[in-house]
Amino acid sequence: MSETTLKPIIMTAFFCVLVAYGVFISSVGAVATQSADLFAMWIAGEFMQMGRIDQIYPAVGAYFDMTTPTDWWAHVSATDDTARIFPYIYPPIWAKLVSYLTAMTSFAAFDLAFLIIHQAALAATVFLATRMCGLQGMTQLAVFAMTYAALVLTTPIGLALAENQPQILVSFLIVFAFERAQFGHLRSAGTLLAIAAAIKVYPLLFIVIFLGRRQWPAIVSFAVVGGALGLTSIALAGWPLHAEYLTLIQTLTHSVIVTNFSFSIDAYLAGTVFSDDLVKVRQPRQSDTDAGWTALAKSPLWVTVSSIANICALTFVAWLAEKRPNCALVLPAAAILLALLSPLSWAYTYLTAFVFLGMLPLRLGVIGIGLVAIAAGFFHRALPMLTFDKLDYGLSGNWLIAGCLITMFAVAFVWIIWQGSDPMSVQPARRNKKS
């Protein structure tokens, strides 16, 4: 066998082993961690199954403080007094669907099934990102393997897997939607984005990319499927619960949650400029400890400025999408910008953009390599205490550095986009189908 033939085989084997290592190390860590984020959906399903709809969503006051409904801790501690619990803040339909499963299986089985789903979804999301950017052959395999391994070895994405955070599935659906649009399957694109928005509401903001590119079949499909899912949710769970959910969402947009793991402009303003006004919050199990987070109600002026900023951001994204209709990197740039302006963004909220980071070294050379290498080292799961401290009240300089790195990613993506239509993207001739 010649050296020319042997080299690709060795490289392929290496990248396959790298992916396998990433799957193994992240799965071991996930299995050993209680998936508190997914557990919230399970508990909501249990109360739904019991007919206790007053215990699905937390009671809201002047602001959202991320505490759970009143009876959750008593219910959970009866079987596990070490469990971590967070509130359920997803649409009612998912609590209703999970309520059917609570009578059929256990949370352990539900948790394991979602870990498998999320691992597959994460790998697929990275692959779709490389496909959107026109990578093929060994280059595609190399970028896919290194991006996937780098992501699962960071605290943000490693923790998302460990918590079985639905953001992984949402990011997959968002990227899949725009991959379909990239190749002309506009109706499928709208359908996928509608499903993502039915899990977490914020993906509906990405519709501005379709608007900017005048991709009307995707917009119509989004509206039809989104409307159908909404009506189905109301039919299954009833309108009163949806009214309560809408009130919760409105309150959430007027609130700020601050920890070393929350990355948004609102969180940084609250954690620095308005730090004296922050209110400490503890969950029941944490009442005797100094662990928790802080929360704050936004002033009317703050809410107004945030609304204007979001409108400006959406307008900019639509304009950028129109000017660069064939550039795949509009999506990660939009994902970062919208997450920075979101009232509640965690490190893993940026996953939709992170899966495209492998493009930076290819497009920016040494600068891109340096930026990605610094981020991979800074967020590495071996250094969580250095980067995130205890994820509690004490905000650190590293929290600010992390926000700066995320912002630099956005600047890098916009810079690449600004240079012209991305030559790695598919050609317009391949985008004529409307199916």
Protein backbone atom coordinates (compact mmCIF):
# COMPACT_ATOMS: atom_id res chain seq x y z
CA MET A 1 0.00 0.00 0.00
CA SER A 2 1.49 3.33 -1.04
CA GLU A 3 1.97 6.31 1.27
CA THR A 4 -0.56 8.26 -0.80
CA THR A 5 -3.21 5.62 -0.10
CA LEU A 6 -2.23 5.04 3.53
CA LYS A 7 -2.32 8.66 4.67
CA PRO A 8 -6.07 9.23 4.12
CA ILE A 9 -6.84 5.97 5.92
CA ILE A 10 -4.76 6.99 8.93
CA MET A 11 -6.31 10.46 9.01
CA THR A 12 -9.82 9.05 8.75
CA ALA A 13 -9.13 6.59 11.57
CA PHE A 14 -7.69 9.37 13.72
CA PHE A 15 -10.71 11.63 13.32
CA CYS A 16 -13.11 8.73 13.94
CA VAL A 17 -11.26 7.89 17.15
CA LEU A 18 -11.40 11.57 18.15
CA VAL A 19 -15.17 11.62 17.74
CA ALA A 20 -15.52 8.31 19.63
CA TYR A 21 -13.41 9.73 22.46
CA GLY A 22 -15.62 12.82 22.60
CA VAL A 23 -18.76 10.70 22.73
CA PHE A 24 -17.32 8.49 25.47
CA ILE A 25 -15.92 11.18 27.75
CA SER A 26 -19.00 13.39 27.52
CA SER A 27 -21.41 10.48 27.98
CA VAL A 28 -19.60 9.24 31.08
CA GLY A 29 -19.80 12.70 32.60
CA ALA A 30 -23.46 13.04 31.64
CA VAL A 31 -24.50 9.69 33.10
CA ALA A 32 -22.84 10.64 36.39
CA THR A 33 -24.76 13.94 36.62
CA GLN A 34 -28.38 14.48 37.58
CA SER A 35 -30.03 16.13 34.57
CA ALA A 36 -31.72 18.96 36.41
CA ASP A 37 -32.89 20.79 33.29
CA LEU A 38 -34.63 17.73 31.84
CA PHE A 39 -35.85 16.80 35.34
CA ALA A 40 -37.89 20.03 35.35
CA MET A 41 -39.84 18.78 32.34
CA TRP A 42 -40.36 15.41 34.04
CA ILE A 43 -41.64 16.95 37.29
CA ALA A 44 -44.01 19.21 35.33
CA GLY A 45 -45.26 16.07 33.58
CA GLU A 46 -45.80 14.32 36.92
CA PHE A 47 -47.90 17.19 38.27
CA MET A 48 -49.78 17.35 34.97
CA GLN A 49 -50.51 13.63 35.27
CA MET A 50 -51.83 14.26 38.80
CA GLY A 51 -54.08 17.04 37.52
CA ARG A 52 -52.15 19.64 39.55
CA ILE A 53 -51.95 22.27 36.83
CA ASP A 54 -51.36 24.95 39.48
CA GLN A 55 -47.92 23.36 39.97
CA ILE A 56 -46.69 23.41 36.36
CA TYR A 57 -45.33 26.96 36.28
CA PRO A 58 -43.87 29.01 39.13
CA ALA A 59 -45.87 31.87 40.54
CA VAL A 60 -44.59 35.17 39.19
CA GLY A 61 -44.23 38.44 41.01
CA ALA A 62 -42.45 41.61 40.00
CA TYR A 63 -39.76 39.54 38.28
CA PHE A 64 -38.79 35.98 37.40
CA ASP A 65 -36.33 34.60 39.96
CA MET A 66 -35.98 31.01 38.62
CA THR A 67 -37.49 29.36 41.69
CA THR A 68 -39.85 26.41 41.33
CA PRO A 69 -43.57 26.06 42.15
CA THR A 70 -44.34 25.79 45.87
CA ASP A 71 -44.89 22.02 46.09
CA TRP A 72 -42.03 20.85 43.90
CA TRP A 73 -39.42 20.40 46.59
CA ALA A 74 -41.69 18.39 48.89
CA HIS A 75 -42.62 16.16 45.97
CA VAL A 76 -39.02 15.59 44.85
CA SER A 77 -37.40 15.30 48.28
CA ALA A 78 -39.75 12.47 49.22
CA THR A 79 -37.68 10.20 46.99
CA ASP A 80 -34.40 12.14 46.55
CA ASP A 81 -33.40 14.86 49.00
CA THR A 82 -30.19 15.54 47.07
CA ALA A 83 -31.88 16.40 43.76
CA ARG A 84 -31.38 19.73 42.05
CA ILE A 85 -34.54 21.34 40.68
CA PHE A 86 -35.18 24.23 38.33
CA PRO A 87 -38.52 25.57 37.10
CA TYR A 88 -40.27 24.42 33.94
CA ILE A 89 -40.41 27.30 31.44
CA TYR A 90 -41.36 25.50 28.21
CA PRO A 91 -44.76 25.49 26.45
CA PRO A 92 -47.53 23.40 28.07
CA ILE A 93 -47.64 20.81 25.27
CA TRP A 94 -44.38 19.18 26.38
CA ALA A 95 -45.48 18.83 30.00
CA LYS A 96 -48.67 17.21 28.74
CA LEU A 97 -46.84 14.77 26.47
CA VAL A 98 -44.36 13.86 29.21
CA SER A 99 -47.28 13.27 31.60
CA TYR A 100 -48.20 10.22 29.52
CA LEU A 101 -44.66 8.86 29.90
CA THR A 102 -44.54 9.29 33.68
CA ALA A 103 -47.06 6.47 34.04
CA MET A 104 -45.15 4.23 31.65
CA THR A 105 -41.47 4.58 32.54
CA SER A 106 -39.00 6.11 34.97
CA PHE A 107 -37.03 9.33 34.81
CA ALA A 108 -33.80 7.33 34.61
CA ALA A 109 -34.95 5.71 31.34
CA PHE A 110 -36.27 9.03 30.05
CA ASP A 111 -32.95 10.69 30.93
CA LEU A 112 -30.87 8.01 29.19
CA ALA A 113 -33.04 8.12 26.06
CA PHE A 114 -32.56 11.88 25.81
CA LEU A 115 -28.82 11.59 26.33
CA ILE A 116 -28.68 9.32 23.26
CA ILE A 117 -30.92 11.69 21.32
CA HIS A 118 -28.88 14.73 22.32
CA GLN A 119 -25.55 13.11 21.47
CA ALA A 120 -26.87 12.25 18.02
CA ALA A 121 -28.41 15.72 17.62
CA LEU A 122 -25.17 17.46 18.63
CA ALA A 123 -23.09 15.45 16.15
CA ALA A 124 -25.68 16.03 13.44
CA THR A 125 -25.71 19.76 14.13
CA VAL A 126 -21.94 20.01 13.69
CA PHE A 127 -22.16 17.96 10.49
CA LEU A 128 -24.96 20.15 9.11
CA ALA A 129 -22.87 23.25 9.81
CA THR A 130 -19.99 21.85 7.76
CA ARG A 131 -22.41 20.91 4.99
CA MET A 132 -23.92 24.40 4.94
CA CYS A 133 -20.43 25.81 4.46
CA GLY A 134 -19.74 23.55 1.51
CA LEU A 135 -17.03 21.43 3.10
CA GLN A 136 -16.39 18.00 1.61
CA GLY A 137 -14.14 15.00 1.93
CA MET A 138 -11.25 15.00 4.42
CA THR A 139 -11.66 18.71 5.18
CA GLN A 140 -15.26 18.16 6.23
CA LEU A 141 -14.35 15.15 8.37
CA ALA A 142 -11.50 17.03 10.04
CA VAL A 143 -13.60 20.12 10.84
CA PHE A 144 -16.50 17.95 12.02
CA ALA A 145 -14.37 15.78 14.30
CA MET A 146 -12.34 18.61 15.82
CA THR A 147 -15.37 20.84 16.32
CA TYR A 148 -17.44 18.09 17.95
CA ALA A 149 -14.60 16.99 20.24
CA ALA A 150 -13.75 20.57 21.19
CA LEU A 151 -17.36 21.34 22.05
CA VAL A 152 -18.03 18.31 24.27
CA LEU A 153 -14.77 18.95 26.12
CA THR A 154 -15.88 22.45 27.13
CA THR A 155 -17.89 23.20 30.24
CA PRO A 156 -20.81 24.93 28.42
CA ILE A 157 -21.59 22.07 26.03
CA GLY A 158 -20.43 19.30 28.35
CA LEU A 159 -22.81 20.67 30.97
CA ALA A 160 -25.62 20.96 28.41
CA LEU A 161 -25.21 17.23 27.72
CA ALA A 162 -25.01 16.40 31.40
CA GLU A 163 -28.16 18.41 32.13
CA ASN A 164 -29.85 17.02 28.99
CA GLN A 165 -30.63 20.63 28.14
CA PRO A 166 -33.27 20.89 25.37
CA GLN A 167 -31.16 23.65 23.83
CA ILE A 168 -29.19 20.89 22.08
CA LEU A 169 -32.29 19.69 20.25
CA VAL A 170 -33.38 23.27 19.56
CA SER A 171 -29.99 24.16 18.05
CA PHE A 172 -30.16 21.05 15.88
CA LEU A 173 -33.59 22.05 14.57
CA ILE A 174 -32.48 25.64 13.89
CA VAL A 175 -29.34 24.62 12.00
CA PHE A 176 -31.24 21.86 10.17
CA ALA A 177 -33.88 24.42 9.14
CA PHE A 178 -31.33 26.73 7.57
CA GLU A 179 -29.41 23.85 6.02
CA ARG A 180 -32.64 22.86 4.28
CA ALA A 181 -33.17 26.46 3.19
CA GLN A 182 -29.58 26.59 1.96
CA PHE A 183 -30.36 23.73 -0.42
CA GLY A 184 -33.75 25.07 -1.48
CA HIS A 185 -36.08 22.95 0.66
CA LEU A 186 -37.95 25.99 1.97
CA ARG A 187 -41.12 24.34 3.23
CA SER A 188 -39.11 21.84 5.24
CA ALA A 189 -37.04 24.72 6.59
CA GLY A 190 -40.11 26.55 7.87
CA THR A 191 -41.48 23.38 9.43
CA LEU A 192 -38.25 22.66 11.33
CA LEU A 193 -37.98 26.22 12.63
CA ALA A 194 -41.60 26.08 13.81
CA ILE A 195 -40.88 22.91 15.79
CA ALA A 196 -37.84 24.59 17.36
CA ALA A 197 -39.98 27.59 18.33
CA ALA A 198 -42.54 25.22 19.88
CA ILE A 199 -39.84 23.98 22.28
CA LYS A 200 -38.24 27.31 23.10
CA VAL A 201 -40.02 30.41 21.89
CA TYR A 202 -36.95 32.43 20.86
CA PRO A 203 -36.22 30.52 17.58
CA LEU A 204 -39.16 32.37 16.01
CA LEU A 205 -36.82 35.40 15.87
CA PHE A 206 -34.78 33.64 13.19
CA ILE A 207 -37.72 34.08 10.83
CA VAL A 208 -36.18 37.46 9.96
CA ILE A 209 -33.52 35.61 7.94
CA PHE A 210 -36.28 34.12 5.79
CA LEU A 211 -37.88 37.56 5.57
CA GLY A 212 -34.63 39.23 4.54
CA ARG A 213 -34.12 36.62 1.82
CA ARG A 214 -37.80 36.71 0.79
CA GLN A 215 -38.13 32.97 1.23
CA TRP A 216 -41.92 33.04 1.36
CA PRO A 217 -42.57 29.27 1.26
CA ALA A 218 -40.50 28.92 4.46
CA ILE A 219 -42.45 31.73 6.14
CA VAL A 220 -45.82 30.25 5.15
CA SER A 221 -44.75 26.80 6.31
CA PHE A 222 -43.52 28.24 9.61
CA ALA A 223 -46.85 29.99 10.18
CA VAL A 224 -48.98 26.95 9.29
CA VAL A 225 -47.00 24.40 11.30
CA GLY A 226 -46.49 26.80 14.20
CA GLY A 227 -50.20 27.56 14.29
CA ALA A 228 -51.07 23.86 14.17
CA LEU A 229 -48.70 23.10 17.04
CA GLY A 230 -50.13 25.97 19.06
CA LEU A 231 -53.72 24.80 18.55
CA THR A 232 -52.71 21.24 19.39
CA SER A 233 -51.08 22.44 22.60
CA ILE A 234 -54.21 24.36 23.60
CA ALA A 235 -56.40 21.35 22.80
CA LEU A 236 -54.24 19.05 24.93
CA ALA A 237 -53.42 21.30 27.90
CA GLY A 238 -56.19 23.90 27.88
CA TRP A 239 -56.13 27.67 27.47
CA PRO A 240 -55.76 28.65 31.17
CA LEU A 241 -52.34 26.99 31.35
CA HIS A 242 -51.29 28.77 28.17
CA ALA A 243 -52.40 32.10 29.59
CA GLU A 244 -50.26 31.37 32.65
CA TYR A 245 -47.32 30.50 30.40
CA LEU A 246 -47.67 33.73 28.43
CA THR A 247 -47.69 35.69 31.69
CA LEU A 248 -44.51 33.89 32.73
CA ILE A 249 -42.81 34.74 29.42
CA GLN A 250 -43.82 38.40 29.74
CA THR A 251 -42.46 38.52 33.28
CA LEU A 252 -39.26 36.83 32.16
CA THR A 253 -38.64 39.56 29.56
CA HIS A 254 -38.82 42.11 32.38
CA SER A 255 -36.30 40.23 34.52
CA VAL A 256 -32.60 39.45 34.72
CA ILE A 257 -30.95 36.33 36.16
CA VAL A 258 -27.26 36.71 36.98
CA THR A 259 -24.75 33.90 37.53
CA ASN A 260 -21.27 33.24 36.18
CA PHE A 261 -22.96 31.00 33.60
CA SER A 262 -25.37 33.61 32.21
CA PHE A 263 -24.09 35.54 29.22
CA SER A 264 -26.24 38.41 27.98
CA ILE A 265 -25.98 42.18 27.89
CA ASP A 266 -28.74 42.37 30.50
CA ALA A 267 -26.82 40.02 32.82
CA TYR A 268 -23.61 42.02 32.45
CA LEU A 269 -25.39 45.31 33.13
CA ALA A 270 -27.11 43.85 36.19
CA GLY A 271 -23.93 42.18 37.46
CA THR A 272 -21.79 45.30 37.15
CA VAL A 273 -23.72 48.57 36.96
CA PHE A 274 -26.71 47.46 39.06
CA SER A 275 -25.00 44.91 41.30
CA ASP A 276 -26.21 46.62 44.50
CA ASP A 277 -29.83 46.02 43.46
CA LEU A 278 -29.46 42.29 42.83
CA VAL A 279 -31.54 40.00 45.03
CA LYS A 280 -30.04 36.71 46.20
CA VAL A 281 -32.10 33.64 45.37
CA ARG A 282 -31.90 30.13 46.84
CA GLN A 283 -33.76 26.96 46.08
CA PRO A 284 -35.18 25.04 49.10
CA ARG A 285 -32.35 22.50 49.33
CA GLN A 286 -29.85 25.35 49.25
CA SER A 287 -31.39 27.34 52.12
CA ASP A 288 -28.52 26.47 54.47
CA THR A 289 -25.76 27.18 51.98
CA ASP A 290 -24.32 30.20 50.25
CA ALA A 291 -25.01 28.82 46.77
CA GLY A 292 -27.57 30.17 44.37
CA TRP A 293 -27.92 33.10 41.99
CA THR A 294 -29.19 36.65 41.85
CA ALA A 295 -32.14 38.26 40.12
CA LEU A 296 -33.39 41.72 39.31
CA ALA A 297 -36.48 43.42 37.88
CA LYS A 298 -35.72 45.63 34.89
CA SER A 299 -36.93 49.22 35.06
CA PRO A 300 -39.49 50.43 32.46
CA LEU A 301 -36.71 52.44 30.75
CA TRP A 302 -34.50 49.35 30.65
CA VAL A 303 -37.31 47.27 29.13
CA THR A 304 -37.89 49.96 26.49
CA VAL A 305 -34.21 50.20 25.58
CA SER A 306 -34.00 46.37 25.38
CA SER A 307 -37.00 46.29 23.04
CA ILE A 308 -35.46 48.92 20.77
CA ALA A 309 -32.13 47.07 20.77
CA ASN A 310 -33.87 43.84 19.77
CA ILE A 311 -35.74 45.56 16.94
CA CYS A 312 -32.48 47.05 15.68
CA ALA A 313 -30.76 43.65 15.90
CA LEU A 314 -33.56 41.91 14.00
CA THR A 315 -33.46 44.61 11.33
CA PHE A 316 -29.70 44.22 11.01
CA VAL A 317 -29.96 40.43 10.70
CA ALA A 318 -32.65 40.73 8.02
CA TRP A 319 -30.51 43.26 6.12
CA LEU A 320 -27.41 41.07 6.42
CA ALA A 321 -29.37 38.04 5.20
CA GLU A 322 -30.61 40.02 2.19
CA LYS A 323 -27.14 41.31 1.30
CA ARG A 324 -25.51 37.87 1.67
CA PRO A 325 -28.24 35.42 0.61
CA ASN A 326 -25.79 32.55 0.02
CA CYS A 327 -23.65 32.92 3.14
CA ALA A 328 -24.15 30.23 5.76
CA LEU A 329 -22.38 32.29 8.44
CA VAL A 330 -25.27 34.74 8.71
CA LEU A 331 -26.89 32.13 10.99
CA PRO A 332 -24.15 31.97 13.69
CA ALA A 333 -23.73 35.75 13.61
CA ALA A 334 -27.48 36.14 14.17
CA ALA A 335 -27.50 33.46 16.87
CA ILE A 336 -24.89 35.29 18.94
CA LEU A 337 -26.43 38.72 18.49
CA LEU A 338 -29.93 37.55 19.43
CA ALA A 339 -28.65 35.57 22.42
CA LEU A 340 -26.68 38.57 23.72
CA LEU A 341 -29.90 40.60 23.68
CA SER A 342 -32.05 37.83 25.15
CA PRO A 343 -33.31 38.28 28.72
CA LEU A 344 -32.15 34.77 29.65
CA SER A 345 -29.06 33.36 27.91
CA TRP A 346 -26.76 30.70 29.28
CA ALA A 347 -23.41 29.61 27.89
CA TYR A 348 -25.01 26.72 25.99
CA THR A 349 -27.57 29.07 24.38
CA TYR A 350 -24.77 29.93 21.94
CA LEU A 351 -24.50 26.34 20.69
CA THR A 352 -26.24 27.32 17.45
CA ALA A 353 -23.23 29.53 16.72
CA PHE A 354 -20.53 27.38 18.34
CA VAL A 355 -21.02 24.57 15.81
CA PHE A 356 -19.71 26.95 13.12
CA LEU A 357 -16.48 27.85 14.95
CA GLY A 358 -14.48 25.42 12.81
CA MET A 359 -14.98 27.87 9.93
CA LEU A 360 -12.92 30.60 11.61
CA PRO A 361 -9.49 28.97 11.12
CA LEU A 362 -10.39 28.22 7.50
CA ARG A 363 -11.43 31.79 6.76
CA LEU A 364 -9.24 33.86 9.12
CA GLY A 365 -6.05 31.81 9.18
CA VAL A 366 -3.81 32.40 12.19
CA ILE A 367 -6.25 34.83 13.79
CA GLY A 368 -9.07 32.30 13.55
CA ILE A 369 -6.88 29.51 14.88
CA GLY A 370 -5.79 31.66 17.81
CA LEU A 371 -9.33 32.75 18.69
CA VAL A 372 -10.70 29.21 18.62
CA ALA A 373 -7.70 27.79 20.50
CA ILE A 374 -8.01 30.40 23.28
CA ALA A 375 -11.72 29.73 23.65
CA ALA A 376 -11.25 25.94 23.66
CA GLY A 377 -8.66 26.25 26.42
CA PHE A 378 -10.57 28.86 28.41
CA PHE A 379 -13.84 26.90 28.41
CA HIS A 380 -12.23 23.46 28.79
CA ARG A 381 -14.06 21.26 31.26
CA ALA A 382 -10.81 20.63 33.18
CA LEU A 383 -10.85 24.28 34.29
CA PRO A 384 -14.45 24.92 35.40
CA MET A 385 -13.49 26.42 38.75
CA LEU A 386 -11.09 28.81 37.05
CA THR A 387 -13.57 29.92 34.40
CA PHE A 388 -16.91 29.81 36.22
CA ASP A 389 -15.90 29.71 39.91
CA LYS A 390 -18.83 28.22 41.89
CA LEU A 391 -21.56 29.37 39.49
CA ASP A 392 -23.11 31.26 42.38
CA TYR A 393 -23.30 34.85 43.59
CA GLY A 394 -19.65 35.81 43.20
CA LEU A 395 -19.08 37.31 39.74
CA SER A 396 -15.55 37.14 38.44
CA GLY A 397 -13.25 38.65 35.86
CA ASN A 398 -13.38 35.38 33.96
CA TRP A 399 -17.14 35.89 33.58
CA LEU A 400 -16.35 39.12 31.74
CA ILE A 401 -13.62 37.47 29.66
CA ALA A 402 -16.05 34.76 28.57
CA GLY A 403 -18.52 37.38 27.38
CA CYS A 404 -15.77 39.16 25.46
CA LEU A 405 -14.80 35.89 23.71
CA ILE A 406 -18.39 35.27 22.65
CA THR A 407 -18.64 38.83 21.35
CA MET A 408 -15.39 38.37 19.42
CA PHE A 409 -16.89 35.31 17.73
CA ALA A 410 -19.79 37.46 16.53
CA VAL A 411 -17.38 40.12 15.23
CA ALA A 412 -15.34 37.44 13.43
CA PHE A 413 -18.42 35.98 11.73
CA VAL A 414 -19.67 39.41 10.67
CA TRP A 415 -16.20 40.29 9.35
CA ILE A 416 -16.13 37.16 7.17
CA ILE A 417 -19.65 37.86 5.93
CA TRP A 418 -18.76 41.47 5.19
CA GLN A 419 -15.92 40.41 2.90
CA GLY A 420 -18.45 39.13 0.39
CA SER A 421 -20.58 36.11 -0.43
CA ASP A 422 -19.03 33.10 1.24
CA PRO A 423 -17.34 31.00 -1.46
CA MET A 424 -17.74 27.92 0.72
CA SER A 425 -21.53 28.19 0.54
CA VAL A 426 -23.58 26.32 -2.00
CA GLN A 427 -24.27 28.08 -5.27
CA PRO A 428 -27.62 29.74 -5.98
CA ALA A 429 -28.29 27.26 -8.79
CA ARG A 430 -28.74 24.57 -6.15
CA ARG A 431 -31.38 26.54 -4.27
CA ASN A 432 -34.32 26.46 -6.65
CA LYS A 433 -36.44 23.69 -5.15
CA LYS A 434 -39.47 24.73 -3.09
CA SER A 435 -40.25 21.42 -1.49
